[in-house]
Amino acid sequence: MPTDIDTVLITCVGGGGANNAIRSFRRSDRYDMDIIGTDSDRVLASKSLADETFVVPKGNDGDYVDVMSRIVDDHDVDVFVPQHEVEVQRVSEERDAFDCSVLLPQGDSVKLCLDKLRLQRRLDDAGFEAPETVSLENYSVREAFDELSDGEPLWFRSRFGSGSMEALPLDDAEQAKQWVEYCENNGGDRSNFTLSEFLPGKDYQIFMLWDEGELVLGKACDRRRYFFGQEHTGASTPLVSRMVDDDELNETARAVIDEVAPNASGNLGVDFKVAPDGTPKVTEVNVGKFVMVNNFFNMTGEYNMAELFLDVAAGRSPRYEDPFGDIDTEQFLVRGIDLEPDILSIDEIESIQEYD
């Protein structure tokens, strides 16, 4: 039986992803809820848009589950939304400790998706296009370039983590050695370093909502510009994005989730970058959380994906004949530091006059 959603618990409310989700929850016409926010950083927690905000341990802290389960019980939380990858994995593995809805894949699927090296190998074995990748725990930089490069750059990436931490295209082995040394000198762990083929083409993000292995709705965007002009660094946080509708990308993303997270519920996303020959390749799978620009997917088209997330949590099982049928390709997302994100149509952008 469907239940009401009166209270939502969401973490990392010092960051944009959680606060964009909160904005989207509050646009719902069908749910009037209290939102409890948490963050492990007291200073960043001051930016929370939640109704109540608490400072809590980090996701890998021994007390994390106890503290979060007490918040769930004390505030009669109906659905718990972890936003940090460490929290997503912890909550997925210990979901029975929380007396509320937890929309996450099973722990083994979460672990696979959070490990970019394992994910690449799994996708390759399953016949999907993914960038060939080696671990610098097992390869020297020279060996990696000998195996993967015919003179073109390679892409340095962290095996774990989000936000394109340490990501950089490197022209040759000598430059790569210097970057590896720099990262190690600043606390990086070589076991977390990988090199893979560099994909300089278009950059796509497919964001999907799932319910027990069934795709509810999906939307997609093309990241067109990045903060600080980082078009070719491997950065993933967009300054400008546009909604896109590409049947091949949509269906590939759907098949990827069927492969790596069968029977999953909740938010799952697939990122693609395009190789020089025009082939889109899967670079990562976002699991469990509302991605940074989730407001773009929630506030365009007819359906608010955050509201549908609450429907799934409440057991209402929404279904649509065409899960990718709500993409408005006329819409742009424009962001900037110290600027509230704007969603603008092509007409709105083109209406800005040039000075003669």
Protein backbone atom coordinates (compact mmCIF):
# COMPACT_ATOMS: atom_id res chain seq x y z
CA MET A 1 0.00 0.00 0.00
CA PRO A 2 1.28 3.49 -0.80
CA THR A 3 2.34 5.57 2.18
CA ASP A 4 2.60 9.29 2.82
CA ILE A 5 5.93 11.09 2.66
CA ASP A 6 5.95 13.63 5.47
CA THR A 7 9.67 13.80 6.29
CA VAL A 8 12.75 13.46 4.08
CA LEU A 9 16.31 13.06 5.40
CA ILE A 10 19.06 14.14 2.99
CA THR A 11 22.80 14.40 3.61
CA CYS A 12 25.57 16.72 2.37
CA VAL A 13 23.34 19.77 2.61
CA GLY A 14 26.40 22.00 2.53
CA GLY A 15 26.67 21.20 -1.19
CA GLY A 16 24.85 22.03 -4.38
CA GLY A 17 23.53 18.57 -5.23
CA ALA A 18 21.55 18.19 -2.01
CA ASN A 19 20.28 21.76 -2.05
CA ASN A 20 19.18 21.45 -5.68
CA ALA A 21 17.28 18.31 -4.67
CA ILE A 22 15.67 20.22 -1.78
CA ARG A 23 14.60 22.97 -4.19
CA SER A 24 13.10 20.29 -6.42
CA PHE A 25 11.29 18.49 -3.59
CA ARG A 26 9.68 21.78 -2.62
CA ARG A 27 8.31 22.27 -6.14
CA SER A 28 6.09 19.22 -5.64
CA ASP A 29 2.35 19.86 -5.80
CA ARG A 30 1.57 16.53 -4.17
CA TYR A 31 3.91 16.35 -1.17
CA ASP A 32 4.12 18.79 1.71
CA MET A 33 7.10 17.53 3.69
CA ASP A 34 9.60 18.52 6.31
CA ILE A 35 13.20 18.18 5.17
CA ILE A 36 15.94 17.21 7.61
CA GLY A 37 19.47 17.91 6.40
CA THR A 38 22.85 16.71 7.65
CA ASP A 39 26.47 17.46 6.90
CA SER A 40 29.76 16.47 8.50
CA ASP A 41 31.17 19.98 7.99
CA ARG A 42 29.72 22.54 10.40
CA VAL A 43 30.76 25.50 8.24
CA LEU A 44 29.29 24.13 5.02
CA ALA A 45 26.14 23.07 6.87
CA SER A 46 25.38 26.78 7.23
CA LYS A 47 24.39 26.77 3.53
CA SER A 48 21.66 24.17 4.06
CA LEU A 49 18.18 24.82 2.65
CA ALA A 50 16.64 22.12 4.86
CA ASP A 51 14.05 22.91 7.53
CA GLU A 52 16.36 21.52 10.21
CA THR A 53 20.07 20.80 9.86
CA PHE A 54 22.38 18.69 12.02
CA VAL A 55 26.13 18.10 12.06
CA VAL A 56 26.84 14.35 11.93
CA PRO A 57 29.86 12.03 11.62
CA LYS A 58 31.36 11.25 8.21
CA GLY A 59 30.03 8.22 6.39
CA ASN A 60 33.07 6.08 7.25
CA ASP A 61 32.92 6.94 10.97
CA GLY A 62 32.04 4.13 13.37
CA ASP A 63 29.15 6.14 14.85
CA TYR A 64 27.60 7.13 11.52
CA VAL A 65 24.90 4.45 11.31
CA ASP A 66 23.87 4.89 14.96
CA VAL A 67 23.56 8.67 14.65
CA MET A 68 21.66 8.56 11.36
CA SER A 69 19.29 5.82 12.55
CA ARG A 70 18.49 7.90 15.65
CA ILE A 71 17.66 10.88 13.42
CA VAL A 72 15.37 8.62 11.37
CA ASP A 73 13.58 7.43 14.51
CA ASP A 74 13.45 10.76 16.35
CA HIS A 75 12.04 12.65 13.35
CA ASP A 76 9.80 9.92 11.89
CA VAL A 77 11.72 10.03 8.63
CA ASP A 78 9.96 8.40 5.67
CA VAL A 79 12.82 8.34 3.15
CA PHE A 80 16.59 8.65 3.62
CA VAL A 81 18.66 10.13 0.76
CA PRO A 82 22.46 9.78 1.23
CA GLN A 83 24.38 12.08 -1.10
CA HIS A 84 28.06 11.21 -0.60
CA GLU A 85 29.48 8.08 -2.21
CA VAL A 86 30.85 6.79 1.11
CA GLU A 87 27.42 7.27 2.68
CA VAL A 88 25.68 5.63 -0.27
CA GLN A 89 27.80 2.50 0.16
CA ARG A 90 27.43 2.45 3.96
CA VAL A 91 23.66 2.95 3.92
CA SER A 92 23.19 0.39 1.15
CA GLU A 93 25.08 -2.22 3.16
CA GLU A 94 23.35 -1.41 6.46
CA ARG A 95 19.90 -0.40 5.23
CA ASP A 96 18.17 -2.65 7.78
CA ALA A 97 19.32 -0.23 10.50
CA PHE A 98 17.02 2.47 9.12
CA ASP A 99 13.27 2.28 9.71
CA CYS A 100 12.38 4.14 6.52
CA SER A 101 12.54 3.86 2.75
CA VAL A 102 16.07 3.59 1.32
CA LEU A 103 16.15 3.73 -2.49
CA LEU A 104 19.56 2.28 -3.29
CA PRO A 105 20.88 -0.71 -5.24
CA GLN A 106 22.28 -3.63 -3.28
CA GLY A 107 25.72 -3.22 -1.76
CA ASP A 108 27.60 -5.27 -4.36
CA SER A 109 26.18 -3.14 -7.18
CA VAL A 110 27.10 0.05 -5.33
CA LYS A 111 30.68 -1.17 -4.80
CA LEU A 112 31.00 -2.01 -8.49
CA CYS A 113 29.71 1.38 -9.65
CA LEU A 114 31.94 3.32 -7.26
CA ASP A 115 35.09 1.55 -8.50
CA LYS A 116 35.79 2.98 -11.97
CA LEU A 117 38.42 0.34 -12.78
CA ARG A 118 36.19 -2.63 -11.92
CA LEU A 119 33.30 -0.94 -13.70
CA GLN A 120 35.34 -0.49 -16.89
CA ARG A 121 36.28 -4.17 -16.88
CA ARG A 122 32.72 -5.30 -16.22
CA LEU A 123 31.36 -3.13 -19.01
CA ASP A 124 34.07 -4.29 -21.40
CA ASP A 125 33.29 -7.93 -20.62
CA ALA A 126 29.59 -7.25 -21.24
CA GLY A 127 30.27 -5.70 -24.65
CA PHE A 128 29.81 -2.02 -23.81
CA GLU A 129 32.16 0.68 -25.07
CA ALA A 130 34.28 1.99 -22.17
CA PRO A 131 37.71 3.65 -22.11
CA GLU A 132 40.54 1.14 -21.82
CA THR A 133 42.05 1.71 -18.38
CA VAL A 134 45.00 0.46 -16.33
CA SER A 135 45.83 0.86 -12.65
CA LEU A 136 49.10 2.54 -11.70
CA GLU A 137 49.23 0.15 -8.76
CA ASN A 138 50.09 -2.58 -11.28
CA TYR A 139 51.62 -0.61 -14.16
CA SER A 140 54.40 1.95 -14.31
CA VAL A 141 53.57 5.17 -16.10
CA ARG A 142 55.85 4.14 -18.98
CA GLU A 143 54.15 0.75 -19.29
CA ALA A 144 50.73 2.42 -19.32
CA PHE A 145 51.72 4.75 -22.17
CA ASP A 146 53.31 1.89 -24.10
CA GLU A 147 50.11 -0.14 -23.82
CA LEU A 148 47.43 2.52 -24.29
CA SER A 149 48.93 5.40 -26.29
CA ASP A 150 50.06 5.77 -29.90
CA GLY A 151 51.22 9.32 -29.26
CA GLU A 152 47.95 10.76 -28.01
CA PRO A 153 47.38 11.93 -24.41
CA LEU A 154 46.12 9.62 -21.68
CA TRP A 155 43.52 10.54 -19.07
CA PHE A 156 44.65 10.44 -15.44
CA ARG A 157 41.70 9.65 -13.14
CA SER A 158 41.10 8.56 -9.58
CA ARG A 159 39.72 5.04 -9.30
CA PHE A 160 37.38 6.13 -6.49
CA GLY A 161 35.69 9.44 -5.77
CA SER A 162 33.63 12.05 -7.58
CA GLY A 163 33.98 15.59 -8.89
CA SER A 164 36.83 14.73 -11.29
CA MET A 165 39.33 14.88 -8.45
CA GLU A 166 42.88 14.85 -9.87
CA ALA A 167 41.58 14.24 -13.41
CA LEU A 168 43.92 15.56 -16.10
CA PRO A 169 44.95 14.71 -19.68
CA LEU A 170 48.68 14.01 -19.81
CA ASP A 171 50.68 14.28 -23.03
CA ASP A 172 53.47 11.81 -22.34
CA ALA A 173 55.03 9.55 -19.73
CA GLU A 174 57.33 12.24 -18.34
CA GLN A 175 54.47 14.64 -17.76
CA ALA A 176 52.45 11.82 -16.21
CA LYS A 177 55.29 10.92 -13.83
CA GLN A 178 55.39 14.52 -12.61
CA TRP A 179 51.63 14.58 -12.04
CA VAL A 180 51.68 11.27 -10.18
CA GLU A 181 54.49 12.58 -7.97
CA TYR A 182 52.55 15.77 -7.30
CA CYS A 183 49.41 13.83 -6.34
CA GLU A 184 51.37 11.48 -4.06
CA ASN A 185 53.09 14.42 -2.36
CA ASN A 186 49.65 15.88 -1.64
CA GLY A 187 48.22 12.79 0.03
CA GLY A 188 47.21 10.74 -2.99
CA ASP A 189 47.44 6.95 -2.92
CA ARG A 190 48.96 5.28 -5.98
CA SER A 191 46.47 2.42 -5.68
CA ASN A 192 43.78 4.99 -6.52
CA PHE A 193 45.49 6.23 -9.71
CA THR A 194 44.54 5.09 -13.20
CA LEU A 195 45.43 6.03 -16.77
CA SER A 196 42.99 5.53 -19.61
CA GLU A 197 42.42 6.62 -23.18
CA PHE A 198 41.55 10.30 -23.33
CA LEU A 199 38.11 11.09 -24.74
CA PRO A 200 38.09 14.69 -26.04
CA GLY A 201 34.61 14.68 -27.60
CA LYS A 202 31.15 15.54 -26.34
CA ASP A 203 30.23 14.88 -22.72
CA TYR A 204 26.80 13.44 -21.88
CA GLN A 205 24.99 12.72 -18.63
CA ILE A 206 21.93 10.45 -18.48
CA PHE A 207 19.99 10.68 -15.19
CA MET A 208 17.41 7.98 -14.48
CA LEU A 209 14.93 6.95 -11.79
CA TRP A 210 14.38 3.23 -11.27
CA ASP A 211 11.84 1.18 -9.33
CA GLU A 212 12.68 -2.47 -8.59
CA GLY A 213 14.55 -2.91 -11.86
CA GLU A 214 12.07 -0.97 -14.00
CA LEU A 215 13.03 2.36 -15.55
CA VAL A 216 10.53 5.02 -14.48
CA LEU A 217 11.93 8.08 -16.25
CA GLY A 218 15.18 9.28 -17.76
CA LYS A 219 16.48 12.62 -19.00
CA ALA A 220 19.80 13.59 -20.56
CA CYS A 221 22.02 16.59 -21.09
CA ASP A 222 25.14 17.56 -23.01
CA ARG A 223 27.71 19.38 -20.88
CA ARG A 224 28.85 22.20 -23.14
CA ARG A 225 31.09 24.43 -21.03
CA TYR A 226 32.87 23.94 -17.73
CA PHE A 227 33.92 26.15 -14.87
CA PHE A 228 37.23 27.95 -15.41
CA GLY A 229 37.24 27.00 -19.10
CA GLN A 230 38.24 23.41 -18.35
CA GLU A 231 36.85 21.96 -21.58
CA HIS A 232 39.73 19.53 -22.05
CA THR A 233 40.89 18.66 -18.53
CA GLY A 234 38.47 15.86 -17.78
CA ALA A 235 36.35 18.16 -15.62
CA SER A 236 32.73 17.12 -15.13
CA THR A 237 31.01 20.09 -13.44
CA PRO A 238 29.26 22.06 -16.17
CA LEU A 239 28.87 25.80 -16.51
CA VAL A 240 26.44 25.37 -19.43
CA SER A 241 24.43 22.26 -20.36
CA ARG A 242 21.66 21.55 -22.85
CA MET A 243 19.01 18.85 -22.75
CA VAL A 244 19.52 16.22 -25.44
CA ASP A 245 17.49 13.28 -26.69
CA ASP A 246 19.56 10.56 -28.35
CA ASP A 247 17.88 7.17 -28.67
CA GLU A 248 21.15 5.24 -28.87
CA LEU A 249 22.61 6.90 -25.78
CA ASN A 250 19.34 6.52 -23.88
CA GLU A 251 19.04 2.81 -24.58
CA THR A 252 22.73 2.18 -23.91
CA ALA A 253 22.41 3.89 -20.52
CA ARG A 254 19.36 1.78 -19.75
CA ALA A 255 21.19 -1.42 -20.69
CA VAL A 256 24.22 -0.45 -18.59
CA ILE A 257 22.06 -0.17 -15.46
CA ASP A 258 20.39 -3.49 -16.25
CA GLU A 259 23.89 -4.99 -16.34
CA VAL A 260 25.50 -3.44 -13.26
CA ALA A 261 22.54 -2.85 -10.93
CA PRO A 262 19.71 -5.30 -11.72
CA ASN A 263 16.48 -4.85 -9.73
CA ALA A 264 17.69 -1.48 -8.44
CA SER A 265 15.51 1.33 -7.13
CA GLY A 266 16.36 5.01 -6.89
CA ASN A 267 18.63 7.36 -8.81
CA LEU A 268 21.15 5.95 -11.26
CA GLY A 269 23.00 7.80 -13.98
CA VAL A 270 25.43 7.04 -16.77
CA ASP A 271 28.10 9.41 -18.08
CA PHE A 272 29.49 9.18 -21.62
CA LYS A 273 32.37 10.90 -23.36
CA VAL A 274 32.99 10.63 -27.08
CA ALA A 275 36.20 9.22 -28.58
CA PRO A 276 37.96 10.85 -31.57
CA ASP A 277 36.27 8.35 -33.91
CA GLY A 278 32.82 9.46 -32.68
CA THR A 279 32.16 6.49 -30.39
CA PRO A 280 30.44 7.39 -27.08
CA LYS A 281 32.06 5.48 -24.20
CA VAL A 282 30.77 4.97 -20.67
CA THR A 283 33.04 6.76 -18.21
CA GLU A 284 31.13 6.19 -14.98
CA VAL A 285 27.86 5.23 -13.32
CA ASN A 286 26.43 7.56 -10.68
CA VAL A 287 24.62 5.54 -8.06
CA GLY A 288 22.07 6.49 -5.42
CA LYS A 289 22.48 10.24 -5.16
CA PHE A 290 20.91 13.25 -6.81
CA VAL A 291 23.66 14.46 -9.15
CA MET A 292 24.88 18.05 -8.86
CA VAL A 293 22.67 19.40 -11.66
CA ASN A 294 19.61 17.34 -10.73
CA ASN A 295 17.51 20.53 -10.80
CA PHE A 296 17.97 20.62 -14.60
CA PHE A 297 16.30 17.21 -14.87
CA ASN A 298 13.68 18.01 -12.24
CA MET A 299 12.62 21.44 -13.52
CA THR A 300 12.37 20.76 -17.26
CA GLY A 301 9.73 18.78 -19.09
CA GLU A 302 6.39 17.81 -17.59
CA TYR A 303 7.64 15.62 -14.76
CA ASN A 304 9.70 16.57 -11.71
CA MET A 305 12.00 13.58 -11.17
CA ALA A 306 12.43 14.48 -7.49
CA GLU A 307 8.67 14.24 -7.02
CA LEU A 308 8.65 10.89 -8.83
CA PHE A 309 11.45 9.76 -6.49
CA LEU A 310 9.05 10.41 -3.60
CA ASP A 311 6.37 8.41 -5.45
CA VAL A 312 8.72 5.43 -5.66
CA ALA A 313 9.64 5.80 -1.98
CA ALA A 314 5.95 5.89 -1.10
CA GLY A 315 5.26 2.70 -3.08
CA ARG A 316 3.19 4.35 -5.81
CA SER A 317 5.20 2.70 -8.62
CA PRO A 318 4.88 5.33 -11.38
CA ARG A 319 5.29 4.03 -14.94
CA TYR A 320 5.39 5.74 -18.34
CA GLU A 321 5.03 4.26 -21.82
CA ASP A 322 8.15 6.09 -23.01
CA PRO A 323 10.56 6.62 -20.10
CA PHE A 324 12.65 9.00 -22.24
CA GLY A 325 9.65 10.90 -23.59
CA ASP A 326 9.89 13.95 -21.30
CA ILE A 327 13.07 15.57 -22.62
CA ASP A 328 12.74 19.21 -23.71
CA THR A 329 15.74 19.82 -25.95
CA GLU A 330 15.05 23.57 -26.07
CA GLN A 331 16.26 24.03 -22.49
CA PHE A 332 19.69 25.15 -21.24
CA LEU A 333 21.14 25.15 -17.73
CA VAL A 334 23.42 28.13 -17.02
CA ARG A 335 25.42 28.20 -13.77
CA GLY A 336 28.18 30.24 -12.21
CA ILE A 337 30.03 30.76 -8.97
CA ASP A 338 27.89 32.88 -6.59
CA LEU A 339 25.01 32.74 -9.09
CA GLU A 340 21.74 30.87 -8.67
CA PRO A 341 21.39 28.31 -11.50
CA ASP A 342 19.08 29.39 -14.33
CA ILE A 343 17.12 27.21 -16.72
CA LEU A 344 16.58 29.11 -19.96
CA SER A 345 14.99 28.35 -23.31
CA ILE A 346 16.72 29.00 -26.61
CA ASP A 347 14.28 31.88 -27.22
CA GLU A 348 15.19 33.48 -23.89
CA ILE A 349 18.89 33.28 -24.68
CA GLU A 350 18.49 34.59 -28.22
CA SER A 351 16.31 37.49 -27.03
CA ILE A 352 19.36 39.15 -25.44
CA GLN A 353 20.27 41.95 -27.86
CA GLU A 354 23.66 42.81 -29.25
CA TYR A 355 24.70 46.42 -29.01
CA ASP A 356 25.18 47.91 -32.47
